[in-house]
Amino acid sequence: MLFHPFTDGDARSALLALAFVLAKDGIVLDGVGPIAQVQRPADDVEGAAGFANLVVALIEGTQRRFSRSCHTAASPG
């Protein structure tokens, strides 16, 4: 499956579909700004790989921030 924003406004649909697929696996991103800025043709294989790497980086960043906030909340005062 390939997700990519189209310049004609379908980016919102692609982002919604991506959020749905990730949420089905229990993954919620705390920021999607970089995703909304990516525009590649659907047949751009290298662009698709770069997009996938971007999503992974956003997931890892969200997980790190969540872990830090849980650690901070659990620390005594």
N, C-alpha and C. Protein backbone atom coordinates (compact mmCIF):
# COMPACT_ATOMS: atom_id res chain seq x y z
N MET A 1 0.85 -1.17 0.00
CA MET A 1 0.00 0.00 0.00
C MET A 1 0.89 1.23 0.00
N LEU A 2 0.53 2.22 -0.77
CA LEU A 2 1.33 3.44 -0.86
C LEU A 2 0.45 4.63 -0.50
N PHE A 3 0.91 5.43 0.43
CA PHE A 3 0.22 6.65 0.79
C PHE A 3 1.04 7.82 0.30
N HIS A 4 0.39 8.74 -0.33
CA HIS A 4 1.11 9.96 -0.68
C HIS A 4 0.11 11.07 -0.87
N PRO A 5 0.45 12.25 -0.39
CA PRO A 5 -0.45 13.39 -0.56
C PRO A 5 -0.46 13.88 -2.01
N PHE A 6 -1.60 14.22 -2.48
CA PHE A 6 -1.75 14.77 -3.82
C PHE A 6 -1.91 16.28 -3.69
N THR A 7 -1.46 17.01 -4.67
CA THR A 7 -1.55 18.47 -4.61
C THR A 7 -2.99 18.97 -4.76
N ASP A 8 -3.91 18.11 -5.17
CA ASP A 8 -5.29 18.55 -5.38
C ASP A 8 -6.18 18.41 -4.14
N GLY A 9 -5.60 18.21 -2.96
CA GLY A 9 -6.39 18.15 -1.74
C GLY A 9 -6.61 16.75 -1.20
N ASP A 10 -6.19 15.73 -1.92
CA ASP A 10 -6.36 14.37 -1.43
C ASP A 10 -5.39 14.03 -0.30
N ALA A 11 -4.51 14.96 0.04
CA ALA A 11 -3.56 14.72 1.13
C ALA A 11 -4.30 14.44 2.42
N ARG A 12 -5.40 15.13 2.66
CA ARG A 12 -6.16 14.90 3.89
C ARG A 12 -6.71 13.48 3.92
N SER A 13 -7.17 12.99 2.78
CA SER A 13 -7.67 11.62 2.71
C SER A 13 -6.56 10.61 2.94
N ALA A 14 -5.39 10.86 2.34
CA ALA A 14 -4.25 9.97 2.52
C ALA A 14 -3.80 9.97 3.98
N LEU A 15 -3.78 11.14 4.61
CA LEU A 15 -3.37 11.25 6.01
C LEU A 15 -4.38 10.54 6.91
N LEU A 16 -5.66 10.69 6.63
CA LEU A 16 -6.69 10.01 7.41
C LEU A 16 -6.55 8.49 7.27
N ALA A 17 -6.30 8.02 6.06
CA ALA A 17 -6.12 6.58 5.85
C ALA A 17 -4.88 6.08 6.59
N LEU A 18 -3.79 6.84 6.55
CA LEU A 18 -2.59 6.45 7.27
C LEU A 18 -2.86 6.40 8.78
N ALA A 19 -3.52 7.41 9.31
CA ALA A 19 -3.84 7.44 10.74
C ALA A 19 -4.70 6.24 11.13
N PHE A 20 -5.63 5.86 10.27
CA PHE A 20 -6.50 4.71 10.54
C PHE A 20 -5.68 3.42 10.58
N VAL A 21 -4.81 3.24 9.59
CA VAL A 21 -3.99 2.02 9.53
C VAL A 21 -3.08 1.94 10.76
N LEU A 22 -2.45 3.05 11.12
CA LEU A 22 -1.59 3.05 12.29
C LEU A 22 -2.38 2.80 13.57
N ALA A 23 -3.54 3.42 13.71
CA ALA A 23 -4.36 3.26 14.91
C ALA A 23 -4.83 1.82 15.08
N LYS A 24 -5.06 1.12 13.97
CA LYS A 24 -5.45 -0.29 14.07
C LYS A 24 -4.37 -1.11 14.75
N ASP A 25 -3.12 -0.66 14.65
CA ASP A 25 -2.00 -1.33 15.32
C ASP A 25 -1.63 -0.65 16.64
N GLY A 26 -2.49 0.25 17.11
CA GLY A 26 -2.27 0.90 18.39
C GLY A 26 -1.23 2.02 18.34
N ILE A 27 -0.98 2.55 17.16
CA ILE A 27 0.02 3.61 17.00
C ILE A 27 -0.70 4.94 16.74
N VAL A 28 -0.42 5.91 17.59
CA VAL A 28 -0.97 7.25 17.42
C VAL A 28 0.19 8.24 17.38
N LEU A 29 0.26 9.03 16.34
CA LEU A 29 1.33 10.02 16.22
C LEU A 29 0.95 11.30 16.95
N ASP A 30 1.93 11.94 17.58
CA ASP A 30 1.64 13.20 18.26
C ASP A 30 1.89 14.41 17.37
N GLY A 31 2.30 14.17 16.14
CA GLY A 31 2.50 15.25 15.19
C GLY A 31 2.58 14.70 13.78
N VAL A 32 1.93 15.35 12.84
CA VAL A 32 1.92 14.87 11.46
C VAL A 32 2.36 15.95 10.47
N GLY A 33 2.86 17.07 10.98
CA GLY A 33 3.26 18.17 10.11
C GLY A 33 4.19 17.76 8.98
N PRO A 34 5.27 17.01 9.28
CA PRO A 34 6.17 16.61 8.20
C PRO A 34 5.49 15.73 7.14
N ILE A 35 4.55 14.91 7.55
CA ILE A 35 3.85 14.05 6.59
C ILE A 35 3.04 14.89 5.62
N ALA A 36 2.39 15.91 6.15
CA ALA A 36 1.52 16.75 5.32
C ALA A 36 2.32 17.54 4.28
N GLN A 37 3.63 17.66 4.47
CA GLN A 37 4.46 18.43 3.55
C GLN A 37 5.08 17.59 2.44
N VAL A 38 4.96 16.27 2.54
CA VAL A 38 5.57 15.37 1.56
C VAL A 38 4.66 15.24 0.35
N GLN A 39 5.20 15.52 -0.82
CA GLN A 39 4.45 15.35 -2.06
C GLN A 39 5.32 14.62 -3.06
N ARG A 40 4.90 13.44 -3.43
CA ARG A 40 5.64 12.62 -4.39
C ARG A 40 4.66 11.98 -5.35
N PRO A 41 5.08 11.75 -6.59
CA PRO A 41 4.23 11.00 -7.52
C PRO A 41 4.01 9.58 -7.01
N ALA A 42 2.87 9.01 -7.33
CA ALA A 42 2.52 7.67 -6.83
C ALA A 42 3.49 6.60 -7.29
N ASP A 43 4.13 6.80 -8.43
CA ASP A 43 5.03 5.78 -8.95
C ASP A 43 6.50 6.01 -8.56
N ASP A 44 6.76 6.89 -7.60
CA ASP A 44 8.11 7.20 -7.14
C ASP A 44 8.50 6.21 -6.04
N VAL A 45 9.18 5.13 -6.43
CA VAL A 45 9.53 4.07 -5.49
C VAL A 45 10.47 4.59 -4.40
N GLU A 46 11.47 5.37 -4.77
CA GLU A 46 12.40 5.92 -3.78
C GLU A 46 11.67 6.89 -2.83
N GLY A 47 10.76 7.65 -3.39
CA GLY A 47 9.97 8.56 -2.56
C GLY A 47 9.11 7.80 -1.57
N ALA A 48 8.56 6.66 -1.99
CA ALA A 48 7.74 5.84 -1.10
C ALA A 48 8.58 5.31 0.05
N ALA A 49 9.81 4.88 -0.26
CA ALA A 49 10.70 4.38 0.79
C ALA A 49 11.07 5.51 1.75
N GLY A 50 11.32 6.70 1.22
CA GLY A 50 11.62 7.84 2.07
C GLY A 50 10.44 8.22 2.94
N PHE A 51 9.24 8.13 2.37
CA PHE A 51 8.02 8.42 3.13
C PHE A 51 7.86 7.42 4.27
N ALA A 52 8.10 6.14 3.99
CA ALA A 52 8.01 5.10 5.02
C ALA A 52 9.02 5.37 6.13
N ASN A 53 10.23 5.78 5.77
CA ASN A 53 11.25 6.12 6.77
C ASN A 53 10.82 7.31 7.61
N LEU A 54 10.17 8.28 6.98
CA LEU A 54 9.66 9.44 7.72
C LEU A 54 8.61 9.01 8.74
N VAL A 55 7.69 8.14 8.33
CA VAL A 55 6.64 7.65 9.25
C VAL A 55 7.28 6.91 10.42
N VAL A 56 8.27 6.08 10.14
CA VAL A 56 8.96 5.35 11.21
C VAL A 56 9.63 6.34 12.17
N ALA A 57 10.29 7.35 11.64
CA ALA A 57 10.93 8.35 12.50
C ALA A 57 9.92 9.09 13.36
N LEU A 58 8.74 9.39 12.81
CA LEU A 58 7.70 10.06 13.59
C LEU A 58 7.15 9.15 14.68
N ILE A 59 7.00 7.87 14.36
CA ILE A 59 6.53 6.91 15.37
C ILE A 59 7.55 6.81 16.50
N GLU A 60 8.81 6.67 16.16
CA GLU A 60 9.87 6.57 17.18
C GLU A 60 9.95 7.84 18.03
N GLY A 61 9.81 8.99 17.40
CA GLY A 61 9.83 10.25 18.15
C GLY A 61 8.65 10.35 19.11
N THR A 62 7.48 9.95 18.65
CA THR A 62 6.29 9.95 19.51
C THR A 62 6.50 9.03 20.70
N GLN A 63 7.06 7.84 20.44
CA GLN A 63 7.30 6.88 21.52
C GLN A 63 8.31 7.42 22.53
N ARG A 64 9.37 8.07 22.06
CA ARG A 64 10.36 8.65 22.97
C ARG A 64 9.73 9.74 23.84
N ARG A 65 8.97 10.63 23.21
CA ARG A 65 8.34 11.70 23.98
C ARG A 65 7.35 11.16 25.00
N PHE A 66 6.61 10.13 24.61
CA PHE A 66 5.65 9.52 25.53
C PHE A 66 6.38 8.87 26.70
N SER A 67 7.46 8.16 26.42
CA SER A 67 8.24 7.52 27.48
C SER A 67 8.80 8.55 28.45
N ARG A 68 9.32 9.66 27.92
CA ARG A 68 9.87 10.71 28.78
C ARG A 68 8.79 11.34 29.64
N SER A 69 7.61 11.58 29.05
CA SER A 69 6.55 12.21 29.83
C SER A 69 6.04 11.26 30.91
N CYS A 70 6.00 9.97 30.64
CA CYS A 70 5.58 9.00 31.67
C CYS A 70 6.63 8.93 32.77
N HIS A 71 7.91 8.97 32.39
CA HIS A 71 8.98 8.92 33.39
C HIS A 71 8.93 10.16 34.26
N THR A 72 8.73 11.33 33.67
CA THR A 72 8.66 12.58 34.41
C THR A 72 7.47 12.59 35.35
N ALA A 73 6.33 12.08 34.88
CA ALA A 73 5.12 12.06 35.70
C ALA A 73 5.27 11.10 36.87
N ALA A 74 6.06 10.04 36.69
CA ALA A 74 6.23 9.04 37.73
C ALA A 74 7.30 9.44 38.76
N SER A 75 8.14 10.41 38.40
CA SER A 75 9.21 10.84 39.32
C SER A 75 8.64 11.64 40.47
N PRO A 76 9.14 11.39 41.68
CA PRO A 76 8.66 12.18 42.82
C PRO A 76 9.11 13.63 42.71
N GLY A 77 8.24 14.50 43.12
CA GLY A 77 8.40 15.80 43.05
C GLY A 77 9.07 16.94 43.11
